[in-house]
């Protein structure tokens, strides 16, 4: 029997990979939220315990307030979008898109507007590339599932 949605159209069956991608996205983006919250609440002590050098901590300490806002939008947006995937809501796509845009702004700040790339080092560049790739994938995935009618 075919399920009918509230608008009278045929509801798309939820494929198994929605749950896999959604859970992976929630767990991955929870790390970003944790890092942001700990950085804001425990500051230098948390950063030092995470292995950051004094120069790296100074780079974060000197970050303007607008960049803290961009960081918050990026991590909180990605986490919320991940939850929206699990709730099968189409809103996941634009929320992921805003999160990805915020992350790209943070990369622009770090690598073009400041000497953050040099300060943070190669490991952070690799980490940033992985984050960008995953955010791009999650954004595309939410868009694709929305187009297929899986997210409504």
C-alpha atoms as a PDB file:
ATOM      1  CA  UNK A   1       0.000   0.000   0.000  1.00  0.00           C
ATOM      2  CA  UNK A   2       1.265   3.478  -0.894  1.00  0.00           C
ATOM      3  CA  UNK A   3       1.374   6.114   1.828  1.00  0.00           C
ATOM      4  CA  UNK A   4      -0.328   9.430   1.090  1.00  0.00           C
ATOM      5  CA  UNK A   5       0.931  12.618   2.664  1.00  0.00           C
ATOM      6  CA  UNK A   6      -1.260  15.401   4.085  1.00  0.00           C
ATOM      7  CA  UNK A   7      -1.282  17.231   0.742  1.00  0.00           C
ATOM      8  CA  UNK A   8      -2.696  14.214  -1.075  1.00  0.00           C
ATOM      9  CA  UNK A   9       0.629  13.327  -2.741  1.00  0.00           C
ATOM     10  CA  UNK A  10       2.526  10.099  -2.428  1.00  0.00           C
ATOM     11  CA  UNK A  11       4.923  10.173   0.519  1.00  0.00           C
ATOM     12  CA  UNK A  12       8.443   8.957  -0.227  1.00  0.00           C
ATOM     13  CA  UNK A  13       9.598   5.987   1.833  1.00  0.00           C
ATOM     14  CA  UNK A  14      12.485   6.912   4.108  1.00  0.00           C
ATOM     15  CA  UNK A  15      15.618   5.123   2.910  1.00  0.00           C
ATOM     16  CA  UNK A  16      17.915   3.575   5.519  1.00  0.00           C
ATOM     17  CA  UNK A  17      20.754   5.947   4.637  1.00  0.00           C
ATOM     18  CA  UNK A  18      18.797   8.959   5.941  1.00  0.00           C
ATOM     19  CA  UNK A  19      19.173   7.577   9.453  1.00  0.00           C
ATOM     20  CA  UNK A  20      22.845   6.731   8.910  1.00  0.00           C
ATOM     21  CA  UNK A  21      23.734  10.133   7.472  1.00  0.00           C
ATOM     22  CA  UNK A  22      21.583  11.917  10.066  1.00  0.00           C
ATOM     23  CA  UNK A  23      23.189  10.161  13.032  1.00  0.00           C
ATOM     24  CA  UNK A  24      26.718  10.632  11.649  1.00  0.00           C
ATOM     25  CA  UNK A  25      25.947  14.321  11.019  1.00  0.00           C
ATOM     26  CA  UNK A  26      24.553  14.826  14.538  1.00  0.00           C
ATOM     27  CA  UNK A  27      27.561  13.146  16.148  1.00  0.00           C
ATOM     28  CA  UNK A  28      30.100  14.956  13.954  1.00  0.00           C
ATOM     29  CA  UNK A  29      28.492  18.367  14.420  1.00  0.00           C
ATOM     30  CA  UNK A  30      28.061  17.811  18.170  1.00  0.00           C
ATOM     31  CA  UNK A  31      31.863  17.879  18.329  1.00  0.00           C
ATOM     32  CA  UNK A  32      31.814  21.378  16.819  1.00  0.00           C
ATOM     33  CA  UNK A  33      29.181  22.550  19.303  1.00  0.00           C
ATOM     34  CA  UNK A  34      31.162  21.054  22.192  1.00  0.00           C
ATOM     35  CA  UNK A  35      34.346  22.769  21.009  1.00  0.00           C
ATOM     36  CA  UNK A  36      32.566  26.108  20.628  1.00  0.00           C
ATOM     37  CA  UNK A  37      30.856  25.931  24.043  1.00  0.00           C
ATOM     38  CA  UNK A  38      34.048  24.855  25.806  1.00  0.00           C
ATOM     39  CA  UNK A  39      36.052  27.572  24.038  1.00  0.00           C
ATOM     40  CA  UNK A  40      33.526  30.204  25.094  1.00  0.00           C
ATOM     41  CA  UNK A  41      33.080  29.006  28.681  1.00  0.00           C
ATOM     42  CA  UNK A  42      36.557  27.780  29.621  1.00  0.00           C
ATOM     43  CA  UNK A  43      38.597  29.769  27.114  1.00  0.00           C
ATOM     44  CA  UNK A  44      42.349  29.430  27.242  1.00  0.00           C
ATOM     45  CA  UNK A  45      42.296  26.553  29.735  1.00  0.00           C
ATOM     46  CA  UNK A  46      40.194  24.433  27.373  1.00  0.00           C
ATOM     47  CA  UNK A  47      42.251  25.397  24.335  1.00  0.00           C
ATOM     48  CA  UNK A  48      45.506  24.533  26.107  1.00  0.00           C
ATOM     49  CA  UNK A  49      44.059  21.194  27.248  1.00  0.00           C
ATOM     50  CA  UNK A  50      43.153  20.510  23.605  1.00  0.00           C
ATOM     51  CA  UNK A  51      46.842  20.881  22.701  1.00  0.00           C
ATOM     52  CA  UNK A  52      46.834  24.399  21.254  1.00  0.00           C
ATOM     53  CA  UNK A  53      50.017  26.441  21.460  1.00  0.00           C
ATOM     54  CA  UNK A  54      50.187  29.867  23.095  1.00  0.00           C
ATOM     55  CA  UNK A  55      50.353  31.449  19.614  1.00  0.00           C
ATOM     56  CA  UNK A  56      47.219  29.553  18.488  1.00  0.00           C
ATOM     57  CA  UNK A  57      45.337  30.549  21.642  1.00  0.00           C
ATOM     58  CA  UNK A  58      46.364  34.187  21.075  1.00  0.00           C
ATOM     59  CA  UNK A  59      44.980  33.953  17.529  1.00  0.00           C
ATOM     60  CA  UNK A  60      41.579  32.906  18.923  1.00  0.00           C
ATOM     61  CA  UNK A  61      41.720  35.497  21.699  1.00  0.00           C
ATOM     62  CA  UNK A  62      42.287  38.238  19.115  1.00  0.00           C
ATOM     63  CA  UNK A  63      39.396  37.096  16.933  1.00  0.00           C
ATOM     64  CA  UNK A  64      36.819  39.900  16.477  1.00  0.00           C
ATOM     65  CA  UNK A  65      33.314  39.493  17.894  1.00  0.00           C
ATOM     66  CA  UNK A  66      31.785  39.148  14.436  1.00  0.00           C
ATOM     67  CA  UNK A  67      33.934  36.062  13.853  1.00  0.00           C
ATOM     68  CA  UNK A  68      32.676  34.531  17.096  1.00  0.00           C
ATOM     69  CA  UNK A  69      29.176  35.059  15.696  1.00  0.00           C
ATOM     70  CA  UNK A  70      30.159  33.423  12.402  1.00  0.00           C
ATOM     71  CA  UNK A  71      31.638  30.493  14.334  1.00  0.00           C
ATOM     72  CA  UNK A  72      28.438  30.129  16.390  1.00  0.00           C
ATOM     73  CA  UNK A  73      26.235  30.223  13.285  1.00  0.00           C
ATOM     74  CA  UNK A  74      28.430  27.609  11.633  1.00  0.00           C
ATOM     75  CA  UNK A  75      28.507  25.044  14.422  1.00  0.00           C
ATOM     76  CA  UNK A  76      25.019  25.538  15.822  1.00  0.00           C
ATOM     77  CA  UNK A  77      23.514  25.676  12.339  1.00  0.00           C
ATOM     78  CA  UNK A  78      25.200  22.421  11.296  1.00  0.00           C
ATOM     79  CA  UNK A  79      24.013  20.673  14.447  1.00  0.00           C
ATOM     80  CA  UNK A  80      20.430  21.926  14.042  1.00  0.00           C
ATOM     81  CA  UNK A  81      20.430  20.957  10.358  1.00  0.00           C
ATOM     82  CA  UNK A  82      21.595  17.471  11.318  1.00  0.00           C
ATOM     83  CA  UNK A  83      18.675  17.106  13.708  1.00  0.00           C
ATOM     84  CA  UNK A  84      16.361  18.381  10.947  1.00  0.00           C
ATOM     85  CA  UNK A  85      17.583  15.555   8.695  1.00  0.00           C
ATOM     86  CA  UNK A  86      16.607  13.046  11.373  1.00  0.00           C
ATOM     87  CA  UNK A  87      13.228  14.769  11.682  1.00  0.00           C
ATOM     88  CA  UNK A  88      12.990  14.553   7.872  1.00  0.00           C
ATOM     89  CA  UNK A  89      12.469  18.279   7.416  1.00  0.00           C
ATOM     90  CA  UNK A  90      13.316  20.098   4.183  1.00  0.00           C
ATOM     91  CA  UNK A  91      14.530  23.042   6.250  1.00  0.00           C
ATOM     92  CA  UNK A  92      17.733  21.006   6.776  1.00  0.00           C
ATOM     93  CA  UNK A  93      19.044  22.117   3.371  1.00  0.00           C
ATOM     94  CA  UNK A  94      18.973  25.910   3.853  1.00  0.00           C
ATOM     95  CA  UNK A  95      20.224  25.564   7.435  1.00  0.00           C
ATOM     96  CA  UNK A  96      23.161  23.437   6.237  1.00  0.00           C
ATOM     97  CA  UNK A  97      23.774  25.963   3.434  1.00  0.00           C
ATOM     98  CA  UNK A  98      23.995  28.848   5.938  1.00  0.00           C
ATOM     99  CA  UNK A  99      26.291  26.765   8.144  1.00  0.00           C
ATOM    100  CA  UNK A 100      28.553  25.965   5.190  1.00  0.00           C
ATOM    101  CA  UNK A 101      28.642  29.635   4.194  1.00  0.00           C
ATOM    102  CA  UNK A 102      29.610  30.581   7.760  1.00  0.00           C
ATOM    103  CA  UNK A 103      32.392  28.007   7.725  1.00  0.00           C
ATOM    104  CA  UNK A 104      33.688  29.358   4.412  1.00  0.00           C
ATOM    105  CA  UNK A 105      33.706  32.883   5.892  1.00  0.00           C
ATOM    106  CA  UNK A 106      35.730  31.555   8.828  1.00  0.00           C
ATOM    107  CA  UNK A 107      38.211  30.024   6.373  1.00  0.00           C
ATOM    108  CA  UNK A 108      38.451  33.327   4.522  1.00  0.00           C
ATOM    109  CA  UNK A 109      39.177  35.085   7.819  1.00  0.00           C
ATOM    110  CA  UNK A 110      41.750  32.507   8.903  1.00  0.00           C
ATOM    111  CA  UNK A 111      43.601  32.016   5.628  1.00  0.00           C
ATOM    112  CA  UNK A 112      43.168  35.317   3.758  1.00  0.00           C
ATOM    113  CA  UNK A 113      42.476  38.093   6.262  1.00  0.00           C
ATOM    114  CA  UNK A 114      44.863  37.002   9.019  1.00  0.00           C
ATOM    115  CA  UNK A 115      47.986  34.903   9.438  1.00  0.00           C
ATOM    116  CA  UNK A 116      45.819  32.194  11.018  1.00  0.00           C
ATOM    117  CA  UNK A 117      46.816  29.618   8.442  1.00  0.00           C
ATOM    118  CA  UNK A 118      50.452  29.924   9.445  1.00  0.00           C
ATOM    119  CA  UNK A 119      49.610  30.062  13.142  1.00  0.00           C
ATOM    120  CA  UNK A 120      47.242  27.090  13.124  1.00  0.00           C
ATOM    121  CA  UNK A 121      49.497  24.906  10.973  1.00  0.00           C
ATOM    122  CA  UNK A 122      49.053  22.096   8.486  1.00  0.00           C
ATOM    123  CA  UNK A 123      47.003  19.857  10.780  1.00  0.00           C
ATOM    124  CA  UNK A 124      44.317  22.556  11.087  1.00  0.00           C
ATOM    125  CA  UNK A 125      44.343  23.029   7.313  1.00  0.00           C
ATOM    126  CA  UNK A 126      43.678  19.311   6.871  1.00  0.00           C
ATOM    127  CA  UNK A 127      40.975  19.386   9.543  1.00  0.00           C
ATOM    128  CA  UNK A 128      39.372  22.403   7.845  1.00  0.00           C
ATOM    129  CA  UNK A 129      39.369  20.611   4.491  1.00  0.00           C
ATOM    130  CA  UNK A 130      37.645  17.575   6.050  1.00  0.00           C
ATOM    131  CA  UNK A 131      35.057  19.790   7.758  1.00  0.00           C
ATOM    132  CA  UNK A 132      34.380  21.682   4.513  1.00  0.00           C
ATOM    133  CA  UNK A 133      33.990  18.426   2.570  1.00  0.00           C
ATOM    134  CA  UNK A 134      31.613  16.941   5.143  1.00  0.00           C
ATOM    135  CA  UNK A 135      29.534  20.125   5.346  1.00  0.00           C
ATOM    136  CA  UNK A 136      29.337  20.240   1.549  1.00  0.00           C
ATOM    137  CA  UNK A 137      28.236  16.585   1.507  1.00  0.00           C
ATOM    138  CA  UNK A 138      25.618  17.094   4.234  1.00  0.00           C
ATOM    139  CA  UNK A 139      24.302  20.179   2.405  1.00  0.00           C
ATOM    140  CA  UNK A 140      24.069  18.301  -0.896  1.00  0.00           C
ATOM    141  CA  UNK A 141      22.493  15.297   0.808  1.00  0.00           C
ATOM    142  CA  UNK A 142      19.775  17.409   2.441  1.00  0.00           C
ATOM    143  CA  UNK A 143      19.085  19.071  -0.917  1.00  0.00           C
ATOM    144  CA  UNK A 144      18.910  15.699  -2.718  1.00  0.00           C
ATOM    145  CA  UNK A 145      16.627  14.143  -0.097  1.00  0.00           C
ATOM    146  CA  UNK A 146      14.395  17.225  -0.257  1.00  0.00           C
ATOM    147  CA  UNK A 147      14.140  16.905  -4.045  1.00  0.00           C
ATOM    148  CA  UNK A 148      13.226  13.230  -3.704  1.00  0.00           C
ATOM    149  CA  UNK A 149      10.483  14.073  -1.222  1.00  0.00           C
ATOM    150  CA  UNK A 150      12.165  12.222   1.631  1.00  0.00           C
ATOM    151  CA  UNK A 151      12.553  15.474   3.576  1.00  0.00           C
ATOM    152  CA  UNK A 152       9.316  17.436   3.712  1.00  0.00           C
END
